[in-house]
Amino acid sequence: MTEEDRKIRIRDVTDVLELIGGRWRGPILAYLCESPRRFSELKDTLEGITPRILIKELRYLEMNKMVYSEKSTISGNSVVYGLTEHGESIESVIVAIHAWAKEHRMKVFTDQ
């Protein structure tokens, strides 16, 4: 691998970890991989997240074209969030992270 390729690889990994990093963005994306969700569903499922932080993280993900928001057709005052077409491309990464996490837990908790 050339030095330039190495720098690009490191930059790309840094960019992805910035996008899905932190305590809440990855879980938000993982939950939205299942289907679009109302704000209240996200808040109730992501135990411990405050409404203010959830709004901040959803706005960040919208700004990065991963998530869209729209008024609910069922209830006029609720907002539904879902993955954009670009956001759907993260699903394979989420699946890979989940698989690796299970293996990692097994390694850490059984190979002592």
N, C-alpha and C. Protein backbone atom coordinates (compact mmCIF):
# COMPACT_ATOMS: atom_id res chain seq x y z
N MET A 1 0.85 -1.18 0.00
CA MET A 1 0.00 0.00 0.00
C MET A 1 0.89 1.24 0.00
N THR A 2 0.58 2.16 -0.86
CA THR A 2 1.37 3.39 -0.93
C THR A 2 1.01 4.29 0.24
N GLU A 3 1.86 5.25 0.49
CA GLU A 3 1.61 6.21 1.57
C GLU A 3 0.33 7.00 1.29
N GLU A 4 0.12 7.37 0.04
CA GLU A 4 -1.09 8.10 -0.33
C GLU A 4 -2.34 7.25 -0.10
N ASP A 5 -2.29 5.97 -0.48
CA ASP A 5 -3.42 5.06 -0.25
C ASP A 5 -3.69 4.90 1.25
N ARG A 6 -2.63 4.84 2.02
CA ARG A 6 -2.76 4.71 3.47
C ARG A 6 -3.46 5.93 4.06
N LYS A 7 -3.06 7.12 3.61
CA LYS A 7 -3.68 8.36 4.10
C LYS A 7 -5.15 8.42 3.73
N ILE A 8 -5.47 8.00 2.49
CA ILE A 8 -6.87 7.99 2.05
C ILE A 8 -7.68 7.01 2.88
N ARG A 9 -7.12 5.84 3.12
CA ARG A 9 -7.81 4.82 3.92
C ARG A 9 -8.09 5.34 5.33
N ILE A 10 -7.11 5.94 5.94
CA ILE A 10 -7.27 6.47 7.29
C ILE A 10 -8.30 7.59 7.30
N ARG A 11 -8.26 8.48 6.30
CA ARG A 11 -9.23 9.57 6.21
C ARG A 11 -10.65 9.01 6.05
N ASP A 12 -10.81 8.01 5.19
CA ASP A 12 -12.12 7.43 4.96
C ASP A 12 -12.69 6.77 6.22
N VAL A 13 -11.85 6.03 6.93
CA VAL A 13 -12.29 5.40 8.18
C VAL A 13 -12.66 6.47 9.20
N THR A 14 -11.87 7.51 9.29
CA THR A 14 -12.15 8.62 10.20
C THR A 14 -13.50 9.25 9.86
N ASP A 15 -13.75 9.49 8.57
CA ASP A 15 -15.03 10.09 8.15
C ASP A 15 -16.22 9.23 8.54
N VAL A 16 -16.12 7.92 8.33
CA VAL A 16 -17.24 7.02 8.65
C VAL A 16 -17.45 6.97 10.15
N LEU A 17 -16.37 6.86 10.91
CA LEU A 17 -16.52 6.81 12.36
C LEU A 17 -17.08 8.11 12.92
N GLU A 18 -16.75 9.22 12.29
CA GLU A 18 -17.33 10.51 12.69
C GLU A 18 -18.84 10.50 12.42
N LEU A 19 -19.23 9.98 11.27
CA LEU A 19 -20.63 9.96 10.89
C LEU A 19 -21.47 9.07 11.80
N ILE A 20 -21.00 7.87 12.10
CA ILE A 20 -21.80 6.93 12.89
C ILE A 20 -21.34 6.85 14.34
N GLY A 21 -20.32 7.63 14.67
CA GLY A 21 -19.74 7.55 16.00
C GLY A 21 -20.59 8.20 17.07
N GLY A 22 -20.05 8.22 18.22
CA GLY A 22 -20.79 8.77 19.35
C GLY A 22 -21.75 7.74 19.91
N ARG A 23 -22.45 8.15 20.90
CA ARG A 23 -23.33 7.22 21.60
C ARG A 23 -24.63 6.93 20.84
N TRP A 24 -25.11 7.87 20.01
CA TRP A 24 -26.46 7.76 19.50
C TRP A 24 -26.62 7.56 18.01
N ARG A 25 -25.70 8.05 17.19
CA ARG A 25 -25.91 8.00 15.73
C ARG A 25 -26.00 6.58 15.20
N GLY A 26 -25.09 5.72 15.62
CA GLY A 26 -25.13 4.32 15.18
C GLY A 26 -26.43 3.64 15.57
N PRO A 27 -26.85 3.75 16.84
CA PRO A 27 -28.12 3.15 17.23
C PRO A 27 -29.32 3.74 16.47
N ILE A 28 -29.32 5.03 16.21
CA ILE A 28 -30.41 5.63 15.43
C ILE A 28 -30.45 5.01 14.05
N LEU A 29 -29.30 4.94 13.40
CA LEU A 29 -29.24 4.36 12.06
C LEU A 29 -29.64 2.89 12.07
N ALA A 30 -29.17 2.15 13.08
CA ALA A 30 -29.50 0.73 13.17
C ALA A 30 -31.01 0.54 13.31
N TYR A 31 -31.65 1.35 14.12
CA TYR A 31 -33.10 1.24 14.31
C TYR A 31 -33.85 1.63 13.04
N LEU A 32 -33.37 2.67 12.37
CA LEU A 32 -34.04 3.11 11.14
C LEU A 32 -33.81 2.14 9.98
N CYS A 33 -32.82 1.25 10.08
CA CYS A 33 -32.62 0.23 9.05
C CYS A 33 -33.85 -0.68 8.97
N GLU A 34 -34.56 -0.85 10.07
CA GLU A 34 -35.74 -1.71 10.09
C GLU A 34 -36.89 -1.08 9.31
N SER A 35 -37.17 0.18 9.58
CA SER A 35 -38.26 0.91 8.89
C SER A 35 -38.28 2.34 9.41
N PRO A 36 -38.97 3.23 8.69
CA PRO A 36 -39.11 4.60 9.20
C PRO A 36 -39.81 4.59 10.56
N ARG A 37 -39.49 5.58 11.39
CA ARG A 37 -40.03 5.63 12.75
C ARG A 37 -40.46 7.04 13.11
N ARG A 38 -41.48 7.12 13.95
CA ARG A 38 -41.87 8.41 14.50
C ARG A 38 -40.84 8.83 15.55
N PHE A 39 -40.77 10.13 15.79
CA PHE A 39 -39.83 10.66 16.77
C PHE A 39 -40.03 9.97 18.11
N SER A 40 -41.28 9.82 18.52
CA SER A 40 -41.56 9.21 19.84
C SER A 40 -41.08 7.76 19.89
N GLU A 41 -41.16 7.03 18.79
CA GLU A 41 -40.67 5.65 18.77
C GLU A 41 -39.16 5.62 18.95
N LEU A 42 -38.47 6.53 18.28
CA LEU A 42 -37.01 6.61 18.44
C LEU A 42 -36.66 6.93 19.88
N LYS A 43 -37.32 7.93 20.44
CA LYS A 43 -37.03 8.36 21.82
C LYS A 43 -37.29 7.24 22.82
N ASP A 44 -38.39 6.52 22.63
CA ASP A 44 -38.74 5.45 23.58
C ASP A 44 -37.81 4.24 23.45
N THR A 45 -37.37 3.93 22.25
CA THR A 45 -36.51 2.76 22.04
C THR A 45 -35.08 3.02 22.47
N LEU A 46 -34.58 4.22 22.21
CA LEU A 46 -33.20 4.57 22.56
C LEU A 46 -33.18 5.07 24.01
N GLU A 47 -33.20 4.13 24.92
CA GLU A 47 -33.29 4.45 26.35
C GLU A 47 -32.15 5.37 26.78
N GLY A 48 -32.52 6.44 27.44
CA GLY A 48 -31.53 7.36 27.97
C GLY A 48 -31.29 8.59 27.11
N ILE A 49 -31.76 8.59 25.87
CA ILE A 49 -31.55 9.76 25.01
C ILE A 49 -32.58 10.83 25.37
N THR A 50 -32.14 12.07 25.43
CA THR A 50 -33.06 13.17 25.69
C THR A 50 -33.64 13.65 24.35
N PRO A 51 -34.82 14.25 24.39
CA PRO A 51 -35.39 14.78 23.15
C PRO A 51 -34.45 15.78 22.45
N ARG A 52 -33.79 16.61 23.22
CA ARG A 52 -32.87 17.60 22.65
C ARG A 52 -31.72 16.94 21.91
N ILE A 53 -31.12 15.92 22.49
CA ILE A 53 -30.01 15.22 21.84
C ILE A 53 -30.51 14.45 20.62
N LEU A 54 -31.68 13.83 20.71
CA LEU A 54 -32.23 13.11 19.58
C LEU A 54 -32.45 14.05 18.40
N ILE A 55 -33.03 15.21 18.66
CA ILE A 55 -33.23 16.20 17.60
C ILE A 55 -31.90 16.61 17.00
N LYS A 56 -30.91 16.88 17.84
CA LYS A 56 -29.58 17.28 17.36
C LYS A 56 -28.97 16.20 16.46
N GLU A 57 -29.04 14.96 16.89
CA GLU A 57 -28.44 13.87 16.12
C GLU A 57 -29.20 13.63 14.81
N LEU A 58 -30.53 13.70 14.85
CA LEU A 58 -31.32 13.54 13.63
C LEU A 58 -31.01 14.66 12.63
N ARG A 59 -30.85 15.86 13.12
CA ARG A 59 -30.49 16.98 12.22
C ARG A 59 -29.11 16.76 11.60
N TYR A 60 -28.18 16.27 12.40
CA TYR A 60 -26.84 15.97 11.88
C TYR A 60 -26.93 14.92 10.77
N LEU A 61 -27.70 13.86 11.02
CA LEU A 61 -27.84 12.79 10.02
C LEU A 61 -28.60 13.28 8.79
N GLU A 62 -29.54 14.20 8.96
CA GLU A 62 -30.22 14.80 7.80
C GLU A 62 -29.25 15.65 6.99
N MET A 63 -28.45 16.43 7.69
CA MET A 63 -27.46 17.28 7.02
C MET A 63 -26.49 16.44 6.19
N ASN A 64 -26.21 15.24 6.66
CA ASN A 64 -25.30 14.35 5.96
C ASN A 64 -26.02 13.40 5.00
N LYS A 65 -27.28 13.71 4.72
CA LYS A 65 -28.08 13.00 3.72
C LYS A 65 -28.28 11.51 4.03
N MET A 66 -28.26 11.17 5.31
CA MET A 66 -28.48 9.80 5.74
C MET A 66 -29.94 9.56 6.12
N VAL A 67 -30.59 10.59 6.62
CA VAL A 67 -31.94 10.48 7.16
C VAL A 67 -32.81 11.58 6.55
N TYR A 68 -34.08 11.26 6.35
CA TYR A 68 -35.05 12.28 5.93
C TYR A 68 -36.10 12.40 7.03
N SER A 69 -36.84 13.48 7.00
CA SER A 69 -37.96 13.65 7.91
C SER A 69 -39.15 14.15 7.11
N GLU A 70 -40.32 13.71 7.54
CA GLU A 70 -41.56 14.18 6.91
C GLU A 70 -42.68 14.13 7.93
N LYS A 71 -43.64 15.02 7.73
CA LYS A 71 -44.81 15.00 8.61
C LYS A 71 -45.57 13.70 8.39
N SER A 72 -46.04 13.13 9.46
CA SER A 72 -46.79 11.88 9.39
C SER A 72 -48.12 12.10 8.68
N THR A 73 -48.49 11.16 7.82
CA THR A 73 -49.79 11.24 7.15
C THR A 73 -50.90 10.80 8.08
N ILE A 74 -50.55 10.07 9.12
CA ILE A 74 -51.54 9.57 10.08
C ILE A 74 -51.88 10.64 11.11
N SER A 75 -50.85 11.24 11.65
CA SER A 75 -51.02 12.27 12.68
C SER A 75 -50.26 13.51 12.23
N GLY A 76 -50.94 14.60 12.05
CA GLY A 76 -50.34 15.82 11.53
C GLY A 76 -49.23 16.42 12.36
N ASN A 77 -49.23 16.16 13.67
CA ASN A 77 -48.19 16.77 14.48
C ASN A 77 -47.01 15.85 14.79
N SER A 78 -46.97 14.67 14.22
CA SER A 78 -45.79 13.84 14.45
C SER A 78 -44.93 13.81 13.19
N VAL A 79 -43.66 13.59 13.41
CA VAL A 79 -42.69 13.56 12.32
C VAL A 79 -42.15 12.14 12.21
N VAL A 80 -42.03 11.67 10.98
CA VAL A 80 -41.49 10.35 10.71
C VAL A 80 -40.08 10.53 10.15
N TYR A 81 -39.16 9.71 10.64
CA TYR A 81 -37.78 9.72 10.17
C TYR A 81 -37.48 8.38 9.52
N GLY A 82 -36.74 8.43 8.44
CA GLY A 82 -36.34 7.21 7.75
C GLY A 82 -35.01 7.41 7.08
N LEU A 83 -34.47 6.33 6.57
CA LEU A 83 -33.20 6.40 5.85
C LEU A 83 -33.44 6.87 4.42
N THR A 84 -32.59 7.76 3.96
CA THR A 84 -32.61 8.15 2.56
C THR A 84 -32.07 6.98 1.74
N GLU A 85 -32.12 7.11 0.43
CA GLU A 85 -31.52 6.06 -0.40
C GLU A 85 -30.04 5.92 -0.07
N HIS A 86 -29.37 7.06 0.10
CA HIS A 86 -27.96 7.02 0.50
C HIS A 86 -27.81 6.40 1.89
N GLY A 87 -28.70 6.74 2.81
CA GLY A 87 -28.65 6.20 4.16
C GLY A 87 -28.82 4.69 4.20
N GLU A 88 -29.61 4.16 3.28
CA GLU A 88 -29.82 2.71 3.23
C GLU A 88 -28.52 1.96 2.93
N SER A 89 -27.57 2.65 2.32
CA SER A 89 -26.29 2.00 2.01
C SER A 89 -25.48 1.68 3.26
N ILE A 90 -25.85 2.25 4.41
CA ILE A 90 -25.12 1.99 5.65
C ILE A 90 -25.54 0.66 6.27
N GLU A 91 -26.64 0.07 5.78
CA GLU A 91 -27.15 -1.15 6.42
C GLU A 91 -26.11 -2.27 6.44
N SER A 92 -25.38 -2.45 5.36
CA SER A 92 -24.37 -3.52 5.35
C SER A 92 -23.28 -3.25 6.38
N VAL A 93 -22.98 -2.00 6.62
CA VAL A 93 -21.98 -1.64 7.64
C VAL A 93 -22.55 -1.94 9.03
N ILE A 94 -23.81 -1.61 9.26
CA ILE A 94 -24.46 -1.88 10.54
C ILE A 94 -24.50 -3.39 10.80
N VAL A 95 -24.85 -4.16 9.78
CA VAL A 95 -24.88 -5.62 9.91
C VAL A 95 -23.48 -6.15 10.25
N ALA A 96 -22.46 -5.63 9.58
CA ALA A 96 -21.08 -6.07 9.84
C ALA A 96 -20.65 -5.69 11.26
N ILE A 97 -21.01 -4.50 11.70
CA ILE A 97 -20.67 -4.08 13.07
C ILE A 97 -21.35 -4.99 14.08
N HIS A 98 -22.61 -5.30 13.83
CA HIS A 98 -23.35 -6.19 14.74
C HIS A 98 -22.68 -7.57 14.82
N ALA A 99 -22.32 -8.13 13.68
CA ALA A 99 -21.67 -9.45 13.66
C ALA A 99 -20.33 -9.40 14.39
N TRP A 100 -19.56 -8.37 14.13
CA TRP A 100 -18.25 -8.25 14.78
C TRP A 100 -18.43 -8.06 16.29
N ALA A 101 -19.43 -7.28 16.69
CA ALA A 101 -19.67 -7.03 18.12
C ALA A 101 -19.99 -8.33 18.86
N LYS A 102 -20.80 -9.19 18.23
CA LYS A 102 -21.13 -10.47 18.86
C LYS A 102 -19.87 -11.31 19.03
N GLU A 103 -19.04 -11.37 18.00
CA GLU A 103 -17.78 -12.13 18.09
C GLU A 103 -16.86 -11.54 19.15
N HIS A 104 -16.78 -10.22 19.18
CA HIS A 104 -15.92 -9.54 20.14
C HIS A 104 -16.37 -9.83 21.57
N ARG A 105 -17.66 -9.75 21.83
CA ARG A 105 -18.17 -10.06 23.17
C ARG A 105 -17.81 -11.49 23.58
N MET A 106 -18.00 -12.41 22.64
CA MET A 106 -17.68 -13.82 22.93
C MET A 106 -16.18 -13.95 23.26
N LYS A 107 -15.35 -13.28 22.50
CA LYS A 107 -13.90 -13.35 22.71
C LYS A 107 -13.52 -12.77 24.07
N VAL A 108 -14.05 -11.60 24.35
CA VAL A 108 -13.69 -10.90 25.59
C VAL A 108 -14.22 -11.62 26.82
N PHE A 109 -15.43 -12.13 26.75
CA PHE A 109 -16.04 -12.71 27.94
C PHE A 109 -15.81 -14.22 28.08
N THR A 110 -15.27 -14.89 27.06
CA THR A 110 -15.04 -16.33 27.20
C THR A 110 -13.55 -16.70 27.14
N ASP A 111 -12.71 -15.86 26.59
CA ASP A 111 -11.27 -16.14 26.48
C ASP A 111 -10.47 -15.44 27.56
N GLN A 112 -10.80 -15.65 28.79
CA GLN A 112 -10.12 -14.92 29.85
C GLN A 112 -8.98 -15.66 30.41
